[in-house]
Amino acid sequence: MDKLKPCPFCGSSEVELFEMDEEDNPYRAWVVRCHKCDVQTAMFVGSIEQKKRCATNAWNRRVKGE
């Protein structure tokens, strides 16, 4: 699994990949969230490894030049 980059909005390294635990989400989606500014990726569903990889890739994606 790739290491998470700092938050693209506030620069904090207080970011975490975790499983959403919500009653209305039976698939237990995974997201990456910044604990400083509370921004997060979309929720990803699928196999556990697929969800983790998609959330991590979405978080680490940057516009060209960054």
PDB file of N, CA and C in Angstrom:
ATOM      1  N   MET A   1       0.849  -1.184   0.000  1.00  0.00           N
ATOM      2  CA  MET A   1       0.000   0.000   0.000  1.00  0.00           C
ATOM      3  C   MET A   1       0.892   1.243   0.000  1.00  0.00           C
ATOM      4  N   ASP A   2       0.561   2.215  -0.837  1.00  0.00           N
ATOM      5  CA  ASP A   2       1.334   3.457  -0.901  1.00  0.00           C
ATOM      6  C   ASP A   2       1.179   4.261   0.387  1.00  0.00           C
ATOM      7  N   LYS A   3       2.234   4.991   0.726  1.00  0.00           N
ATOM      8  CA  LYS A   3       2.183   5.893   1.872  1.00  0.00           C
ATOM      9  C   LYS A   3       1.290   7.082   1.500  1.00  0.00           C
ATOM     10  N   LEU A   4       0.512   7.561   2.456  1.00  0.00           N
ATOM     11  CA  LEU A   4      -0.371   8.701   2.202  1.00  0.00           C
ATOM     12  C   LEU A   4       0.414   9.998   2.184  1.00  0.00           C
ATOM     13  N   LYS A   5       0.134  10.828   1.203  1.00  0.00           N
ATOM     14  CA  LYS A   5       0.750  12.145   1.115  1.00  0.00           C
ATOM     15  C   LYS A   5       0.063  13.087   2.106  1.00  0.00           C
ATOM     16  N   PRO A   6       0.708  14.198   2.441  1.00  0.00           N
ATOM     17  CA  PRO A   6       0.060  15.196   3.309  1.00  0.00           C
ATOM     18  C   PRO A   6      -1.207  15.736   2.653  1.00  0.00           C
ATOM     19  N   CYS A   7      -2.053  16.350   3.437  1.00  0.00           N
ATOM     20  CA  CYS A   7      -3.306  16.915   2.939  1.00  0.00           C
ATOM     21  C   CYS A   7      -3.016  17.958   1.854  1.00  0.00           C
ATOM     22  N   PRO A   8      -3.695  17.870   0.699  1.00  0.00           N
ATOM     23  CA  PRO A   8      -3.456  18.838  -0.374  1.00  0.00           C
ATOM     24  C   PRO A   8      -4.057  20.212  -0.070  1.00  0.00           C
ATOM     25  N   PHE A   9      -4.860  20.318   0.958  1.00  0.00           N
ATOM     26  CA  PHE A   9      -5.507  21.589   1.282  1.00  0.00           C
ATOM     27  C   PHE A   9      -4.804  22.342   2.401  1.00  0.00           C
ATOM     28  N   CYS A  10      -4.455  21.626   3.497  1.00  0.00           N
ATOM     29  CA  CYS A  10      -3.836  22.315   4.633  1.00  0.00           C
ATOM     30  C   CYS A  10      -2.382  21.902   4.856  1.00  0.00           C
ATOM     31  N   GLY A  11      -1.929  20.850   4.187  1.00  0.00           N
ATOM     32  CA  GLY A  11      -0.549  20.402   4.319  1.00  0.00           C
ATOM     33  C   GLY A  11      -0.275  19.495   5.503  1.00  0.00           C
ATOM     34  N   SER A  12      -1.288  19.189   6.295  1.00  0.00           N
ATOM     35  CA  SER A  12      -1.110  18.356   7.483  1.00  0.00           C
ATOM     36  C   SER A  12      -0.751  16.921   7.101  1.00  0.00           C
ATOM     37  N   SER A  13       0.077  16.298   7.927  1.00  0.00           N
ATOM     38  CA  SER A  13       0.388  14.881   7.743  1.00  0.00           C
ATOM     39  C   SER A  13      -0.497  14.013   8.638  1.00  0.00           C
ATOM     40  N   GLU A  14      -1.468  14.630   9.301  1.00  0.00           N
ATOM     41  CA  GLU A  14      -2.405  13.903  10.158  1.00  0.00           C
ATOM     42  C   GLU A  14      -3.545  13.349   9.305  1.00  0.00           C
ATOM     43  N   VAL A  15      -3.193  12.422   8.408  1.00  0.00           N
ATOM     44  CA  VAL A  15      -4.172  11.817   7.511  1.00  0.00           C
ATOM     45  C   VAL A  15      -4.258  10.328   7.791  1.00  0.00           C
ATOM     46  N   GLU A  16      -5.424   9.747   7.526  1.00  0.00           N
ATOM     47  CA  GLU A  16      -5.640   8.343   7.870  1.00  0.00           C
ATOM     48  C   GLU A  16      -6.551   7.674   6.849  1.00  0.00           C
ATOM     49  N   LEU A  17      -6.218   6.441   6.511  1.00  0.00           N
ATOM     50  CA  LEU A  17      -7.075   5.569   5.716  1.00  0.00           C
ATOM     51  C   LEU A  17      -7.881   4.745   6.705  1.00  0.00           C
ATOM     52  N   PHE A  18      -9.205   4.803   6.600  1.00  0.00           N
ATOM     53  CA  PHE A  18     -10.004   4.027   7.545  1.00  0.00           C
ATOM     54  C   PHE A  18     -11.327   3.590   6.944  1.00  0.00           C
ATOM     55  N   GLU A  19     -11.930   2.610   7.601  1.00  0.00           N
ATOM     56  CA  GLU A  19     -13.199   2.032   7.182  1.00  0.00           C
ATOM     57  C   GLU A  19     -14.337   2.813   7.821  1.00  0.00           C
ATOM     58  N   MET A  20     -15.291   3.237   7.001  1.00  0.00           N
ATOM     59  CA  MET A  20     -16.465   3.955   7.503  1.00  0.00           C
ATOM     60  C   MET A  20     -17.368   2.960   8.225  1.00  0.00           C
ATOM     61  N   ASP A  21     -17.815   3.314   9.388  1.00  0.00           N
ATOM     62  CA  ASP A  21     -18.691   2.451  10.174  1.00  0.00           C
ATOM     63  C   ASP A  21     -20.028   3.161  10.341  1.00  0.00           C
ATOM     64  N   GLU A  22     -20.885   3.025   9.332  1.00  0.00           N
ATOM     65  CA  GLU A  22     -22.175   3.698   9.351  1.00  0.00           C
ATOM     66  C   GLU A  22     -23.289   2.682   9.129  1.00  0.00           C
ATOM     67  N   GLU A  23     -24.381   2.839   9.842  1.00  0.00           N
ATOM     68  CA  GLU A  23     -25.492   1.905   9.729  1.00  0.00           C
ATOM     69  C   GLU A  23     -26.096   1.863   8.328  1.00  0.00           C
ATOM     70  N   ASP A  24     -26.086   3.003   7.624  1.00  0.00           N
ATOM     71  CA  ASP A  24     -26.702   3.044   6.294  1.00  0.00           C
ATOM     72  C   ASP A  24     -25.723   2.654   5.186  1.00  0.00           C
ATOM     73  N   ASN A  25     -24.550   2.121   5.545  1.00  0.00           N
ATOM     74  CA  ASN A  25     -23.553   1.716   4.564  1.00  0.00           C
ATOM     75  C   ASN A  25     -23.172   0.259   4.816  1.00  0.00           C
ATOM     76  N   PRO A  26     -23.949  -0.689   4.288  1.00  0.00           N
ATOM     77  CA  PRO A  26     -23.681  -2.102   4.560  1.00  0.00           C
ATOM     78  C   PRO A  26     -22.381  -2.614   3.935  1.00  0.00           C
ATOM     79  N   TYR A  27     -21.803  -1.868   2.995  1.00  0.00           N
ATOM     80  CA  TYR A  27     -20.592  -2.320   2.319  1.00  0.00           C
ATOM     81  C   TYR A  27     -19.320  -1.851   3.004  1.00  0.00           C
ATOM     82  N   ARG A  28     -19.459  -1.060   4.070  1.00  0.00           N
ATOM     83  CA  ARG A  28     -18.308  -0.582   4.824  1.00  0.00           C
ATOM     84  C   ARG A  28     -17.263   0.032   3.899  1.00  0.00           C
ATOM     85  N   ALA A  29     -17.561   1.191   3.388  1.00  0.00           N
ATOM     86  CA  ALA A  29     -16.667   1.892   2.481  1.00  0.00           C
ATOM     87  C   ALA A  29     -15.407   2.358   3.198  1.00  0.00           C
ATOM     88  N   TRP A  30     -14.356   2.594   2.428  1.00  0.00           N
ATOM     89  CA  TRP A  30     -13.095   3.120   2.948  1.00  0.00           C
ATOM     90  C   TRP A  30     -12.877   4.517   2.410  1.00  0.00           C
ATOM     91  N   VAL A  31     -12.271   5.380   3.227  1.00  0.00           N
ATOM     92  CA  VAL A  31     -11.949   6.752   2.843  1.00  0.00           C
ATOM     93  C   VAL A  31     -10.591   7.128   3.428  1.00  0.00           C
ATOM     94  N   VAL A  32     -10.022   8.216   2.919  1.00  0.00           N
ATOM     95  CA  VAL A  32      -8.868   8.846   3.546  1.00  0.00           C
ATOM     96  C   VAL A  32      -9.351  10.206   4.020  1.00  0.00           C
ATOM     97  N   ARG A  33      -9.012  10.556   5.255  1.00  0.00           N
ATOM     98  CA  ARG A  33      -9.463  11.821   5.834  1.00  0.00           C
ATOM     99  C   ARG A  33      -8.305  12.541   6.511  1.00  0.00           C
ATOM    100  N   CYS A  34      -8.324  13.875   6.387  1.00  0.00           N
ATOM    101  CA  CYS A  34      -7.380  14.726   7.108  1.00  0.00           C
ATOM    102  C   CYS A  34      -8.017  15.075   8.448  1.00  0.00           C
ATOM    103  N   HIS A  35      -7.299  14.804   9.525  1.00  0.00           N
ATOM    104  CA  HIS A  35      -7.846  15.081  10.856  1.00  0.00           C
ATOM    105  C   HIS A  35      -7.713  16.552  11.254  1.00  0.00           C
ATOM    106  N   LYS A  36      -6.943  17.325  10.479  1.00  0.00           N
ATOM    107  CA  LYS A  36      -6.792  18.738  10.804  1.00  0.00           C
ATOM    108  C   LYS A  36      -7.899  19.576  10.178  1.00  0.00           C
ATOM    109  N   CYS A  37      -8.145  19.408   8.865  1.00  0.00           N
ATOM    110  CA  CYS A  37      -9.160  20.240   8.198  1.00  0.00           C
ATOM    111  C   CYS A  37     -10.417  19.455   7.822  1.00  0.00           C
ATOM    112  N   ASP A  38     -10.443  18.151   8.095  1.00  0.00           N
ATOM    113  CA  ASP A  38     -11.615  17.282   7.944  1.00  0.00           C
ATOM    114  C   ASP A  38     -12.030  17.019   6.497  1.00  0.00           C
ATOM    115  N   VAL A  39     -11.156  17.281   5.536  1.00  0.00           N
ATOM    116  CA  VAL A  39     -11.469  16.942   4.150  1.00  0.00           C
ATOM    117  C   VAL A  39     -11.257  15.438   3.975  1.00  0.00           C
ATOM    118  N   GLN A  40     -12.029  14.821   3.064  1.00  0.00           N
ATOM    119  CA  GLN A  40     -11.870  13.393   2.843  1.00  0.00           C
ATOM    120  C   GLN A  40     -12.146  13.041   1.390  1.00  0.00           C
ATOM    121  N   THR A  41     -11.712  11.830   1.010  1.00  0.00           N
ATOM    122  CA  THR A  41     -11.992  11.316  -0.322  1.00  0.00           C
ATOM    123  C   THR A  41     -13.450  10.865  -0.382  1.00  0.00           C
ATOM    124  N   ALA A  42     -13.857  10.478  -1.567  1.00  0.00           N
ATOM    125  CA  ALA A  42     -15.156   9.822  -1.732  1.00  0.00           C
ATOM    126  C   ALA A  42     -15.092   8.477  -1.015  1.00  0.00           C
ATOM    127  N   MET A  43     -16.234   7.846  -0.799  1.00  0.00           N
ATOM    128  CA  MET A  43     -16.275   6.527  -0.183  1.00  0.00           C
ATOM    129  C   MET A  43     -16.133   5.485  -1.284  1.00  0.00           C
ATOM    130  N   PHE A  44     -15.263   4.507  -1.086  1.00  0.00           N
ATOM    131  CA  PHE A  44     -15.018   3.476  -2.080  1.00  0.00           C
ATOM    132  C   PHE A  44     -15.500   2.133  -1.555  1.00  0.00           C
ATOM    133  N   VAL A  45     -16.182   1.368  -2.422  1.00  0.00           N
ATOM    134  CA  VAL A  45     -16.676   0.044  -2.069  1.00  0.00           C
ATOM    135  C   VAL A  45     -16.063  -0.987  -3.015  1.00  0.00           C
ATOM    136  N   GLY A  46     -16.145  -2.239  -2.640  1.00  0.00           N
ATOM    137  CA  GLY A  46     -15.577  -3.348  -3.408  1.00  0.00           C
ATOM    138  C   GLY A  46     -14.891  -4.277  -2.425  1.00  0.00           C
ATOM    139  N   SER A  47     -13.892  -5.030  -2.907  1.00  0.00           N
ATOM    140  CA  SER A  47     -13.128  -5.876  -1.989  1.00  0.00           C
ATOM    141  C   SER A  47     -12.323  -4.967  -1.060  1.00  0.00           C
ATOM    142  N   ILE A  48     -11.909  -5.486   0.070  1.00  0.00           N
ATOM    143  CA  ILE A  48     -11.184  -4.658   1.039  1.00  0.00           C
ATOM    144  C   ILE A  48      -9.927  -4.058   0.423  1.00  0.00           C
ATOM    145  N   GLU A  49      -9.122  -4.866  -0.247  1.00  0.00           N
ATOM    146  CA  GLU A  49      -7.890  -4.345  -0.852  1.00  0.00           C
ATOM    147  C   GLU A  49      -8.203  -3.329  -1.949  1.00  0.00           C
ATOM    148  N   GLN A  50      -9.248  -3.582  -2.719  1.00  0.00           N
ATOM    149  CA  GLN A  50      -9.642  -2.656  -3.787  1.00  0.00           C
ATOM    150  C   GLN A  50     -10.079  -1.315  -3.191  1.00  0.00           C
ATOM    151  N   LYS A  51     -10.861  -1.354  -2.115  1.00  0.00           N
ATOM    152  CA  LYS A  51     -11.320  -0.121  -1.464  1.00  0.00           C
ATOM    153  C   LYS A  51     -10.147   0.679  -0.918  1.00  0.00           C
ATOM    154  N   LYS A  52      -9.223   0.009  -0.253  1.00  0.00           N
ATOM    155  CA  LYS A  52      -8.061   0.687   0.314  1.00  0.00           C
ATOM    156  C   LYS A  52      -7.212   1.325  -0.780  1.00  0.00           C
ATOM    157  N   ARG A  53      -6.973   0.568  -1.863  1.00  0.00           N
ATOM    158  CA  ARG A  53      -6.156   1.064  -2.966  1.00  0.00           C
ATOM    159  C   ARG A  53      -6.806   2.263  -3.640  1.00  0.00           C
ATOM    160  N   CYS A  54      -8.111   2.200  -3.899  1.00  0.00           N
ATOM    161  CA  CYS A  54      -8.819   3.306  -4.549  1.00  0.00           C
ATOM    162  C   CYS A  54      -8.807   4.563  -3.684  1.00  0.00           C
ATOM    163  N   ALA A  55      -9.053   4.422  -2.391  1.00  0.00           N
ATOM    164  CA  ALA A  55      -9.055   5.583  -1.497  1.00  0.00           C
ATOM    165  C   ALA A  55      -7.660   6.195  -1.407  1.00  0.00           C
ATOM    166  N   THR A  56      -6.637   5.351  -1.292  1.00  0.00           N
ATOM    167  CA  THR A  56      -5.263   5.846  -1.215  1.00  0.00           C
ATOM    168  C   THR A  56      -4.866   6.547  -2.511  1.00  0.00           C
ATOM    169  N   ASN A  57      -5.172   5.940  -3.657  1.00  0.00           N
ATOM    170  CA  ASN A  57      -4.843   6.552  -4.949  1.00  0.00           C
ATOM    171  C   ASN A  57      -5.562   7.884  -5.140  1.00  0.00           C
ATOM    172  N   ALA A  58      -6.816   7.953  -4.730  1.00  0.00           N
ATOM    173  CA  ALA A  58      -7.574   9.202  -4.860  1.00  0.00           C
ATOM    174  C   ALA A  58      -6.946  10.294  -3.985  1.00  0.00           C
ATOM    175  N   TRP A  59      -6.553   9.936  -2.769  1.00  0.00           N
ATOM    176  CA  TRP A  59      -5.954  10.914  -1.852  1.00  0.00           C
ATOM    177  C   TRP A  59      -4.610  11.410  -2.380  1.00  0.00           C
ATOM    178  N   ASN A  60      -3.793  10.506  -2.870  1.00  0.00           N
ATOM    179  CA  ASN A  60      -2.445  10.851  -3.301  1.00  0.00           C
ATOM    180  C   ASN A  60      -2.397  11.529  -4.673  1.00  0.00           C
ATOM    181  N   ARG A  61      -3.494  11.550  -5.380  1.00  0.00           N
ATOM    182  CA  ARG A  61      -3.513  12.165  -6.708  1.00  0.00           C
ATOM    183  C   ARG A  61      -3.376  13.689  -6.560  1.00  0.00           C
ATOM    184  N   ARG A  62      -2.511  14.262  -7.354  1.00  0.00           N
ATOM    185  CA  ARG A  62      -2.281  15.710  -7.350  1.00  0.00           C
ATOM    186  C   ARG A  62      -2.359  16.220  -8.776  1.00  0.00           C
ATOM    187  N   VAL A  63      -2.709  17.481  -8.923  1.00  0.00           N
ATOM    188  CA  VAL A  63      -2.706  18.089 -10.258  1.00  0.00           C
ATOM    189  C   VAL A  63      -1.261  18.177 -10.727  1.00  0.00           C
ATOM    190  N   LYS A  64      -1.068  18.141 -12.014  1.00  0.00           N
ATOM    191  CA  LYS A  64       0.268  18.173 -12.584  1.00  0.00           C
ATOM    192  C   LYS A  64       1.036  19.399 -12.087  1.00  0.00           C
ATOM    193  N   GLY A  65       2.280  19.174 -11.722  1.00  0.00           N
ATOM    194  CA  GLY A  65       3.118  20.275 -11.256  1.00  0.00           C
ATOM    195  C   GLY A  65       3.250  20.354  -9.746  1.00  0.00           C
ATOM    196  N   GLU A  66       2.495  19.548  -9.014  1.00  0.00           N
ATOM    197  CA  GLU A  66       2.605  19.568  -7.548  1.00  0.00           C
ATOM    198  C   GLU A  66       3.470  18.438  -7.065  1.00  0.00           C
TER     199      GLU A  66
END
